[in-house]
Amino acid sequence: AVLNRWGDGPDTPQGVRNRLRGYGPDAAELAGQLDDDSIRLAAAGVRRLYREWAALPAGETLRLTWPLHDSWLRLMSPA
């Protein structure tokens, strides 16, 4: 929901909340609990993962850890 791949509203915090509300009651409850900064951070993280995946040579494995390391989060651009 944090990155809109199907043209279903804007990629703003409110747009993300609106998309989440369309996924059912549990997602709607989550939408009400997320602040704007958390949504922006999640969107930046997903954009970074897309870049990492796109740069990965064919046949290689994308390996991730959770939670994300602080140094990784500092590299994310909020754009």
Protein backbone atom coordinates (compact mmCIF):
# COMPACT_ATOMS: atom_id res chain seq x y z
CA ALA A 1 0.00 0.00 0.00
CA VAL A 2 2.91 2.41 0.56
CA LEU A 3 3.80 2.56 -3.14
CA ASN A 4 0.93 2.76 -5.53
CA ARG A 5 1.67 0.49 -8.50
CA TRP A 6 -1.87 0.49 -9.91
CA GLY A 7 -2.79 4.17 -10.03
CA ASP A 8 -5.06 3.87 -7.00
CA GLY A 9 -4.62 7.31 -5.45
CA PRO A 10 -1.58 9.38 -4.54
CA ASP A 11 1.56 8.14 -2.79
CA THR A 12 0.99 10.46 0.15
CA PRO A 13 0.42 9.41 3.76
CA GLN A 14 -3.32 10.00 3.30
CA GLY A 15 -3.31 8.07 0.02
CA VAL A 16 -1.63 5.13 1.77
CA ARG A 17 -4.21 5.23 4.57
CA ASN A 18 -7.03 5.27 2.03
CA ARG A 19 -5.58 2.23 0.21
CA LEU A 20 -5.14 0.35 3.49
CA ARG A 21 -8.75 1.01 4.44
CA GLY A 22 -9.78 -0.80 1.27
CA TYR A 23 -7.99 -4.00 2.37
CA GLY A 24 -10.38 -4.86 5.20
CA PRO A 25 -10.98 -4.09 8.88
CA ASP A 26 -7.54 -5.08 10.17
CA ALA A 27 -5.76 -2.97 7.57
CA ALA A 28 -8.18 -0.11 8.24
CA GLU A 29 -7.30 -0.27 11.93
CA LEU A 30 -3.60 -0.19 11.07
CA ALA A 31 -4.20 2.81 8.79
CA GLY A 32 -5.56 4.75 11.73
CA GLN A 33 -2.48 4.02 13.83
CA LEU A 34 0.22 5.10 11.35
CA ASP A 35 1.70 8.56 11.54
CA ASP A 36 2.91 10.41 8.44
CA ASP A 37 6.61 9.89 9.23
CA SER A 38 6.17 6.12 9.57
CA ILE A 39 4.44 5.96 6.20
CA ARG A 40 7.13 8.10 4.55
CA LEU A 41 9.86 5.90 6.05
CA ALA A 42 8.14 2.73 4.81
CA ALA A 43 7.75 4.21 1.32
CA ALA A 44 11.42 5.25 1.24
CA GLY A 45 12.41 1.75 2.32
CA VAL A 46 10.35 0.11 -0.42
CA ARG A 47 11.78 2.49 -3.04
CA ARG A 48 15.28 1.60 -1.87
CA LEU A 49 14.49 -2.12 -2.05
CA TYR A 50 13.27 -1.65 -5.64
CA ARG A 51 16.59 0.03 -6.49
CA GLU A 52 18.58 -2.76 -4.82
CA TRP A 53 16.55 -5.40 -6.66
CA ALA A 54 16.90 -3.63 -10.01
CA ALA A 55 20.70 -3.49 -9.58
CA LEU A 56 20.95 -7.17 -8.71
CA PRO A 57 22.46 -9.33 -11.46
CA ALA A 58 20.10 -11.89 -13.01
CA GLY A 59 20.00 -15.08 -10.99
CA GLU A 60 21.34 -13.50 -7.80
CA THR A 61 19.41 -13.51 -4.53
CA LEU A 62 18.19 -10.37 -2.80
CA ARG A 63 18.92 -10.84 0.90
CA LEU A 64 17.30 -8.63 3.51
CA THR A 65 17.23 -8.47 7.28
CA TRP A 66 14.59 -7.11 9.61
CA PRO A 67 14.55 -4.81 11.38
CA LEU A 68 16.58 -2.65 9.04
CA HIS A 69 19.95 -1.56 10.37
CA ASP A 70 20.17 2.13 11.36
CA SER A 71 22.90 2.77 8.79
CA TRP A 72 20.59 1.51 6.05
CA LEU A 73 17.77 3.75 7.22
CA ARG A 74 20.04 6.81 7.24
CA LEU A 75 20.83 6.22 3.56
CA MET A 76 17.17 6.40 2.57
CA SER A 77 15.99 9.57 0.95
CA PRO A 78 12.61 10.86 2.14
CA ALA A 79 11.76 12.06 -1.38
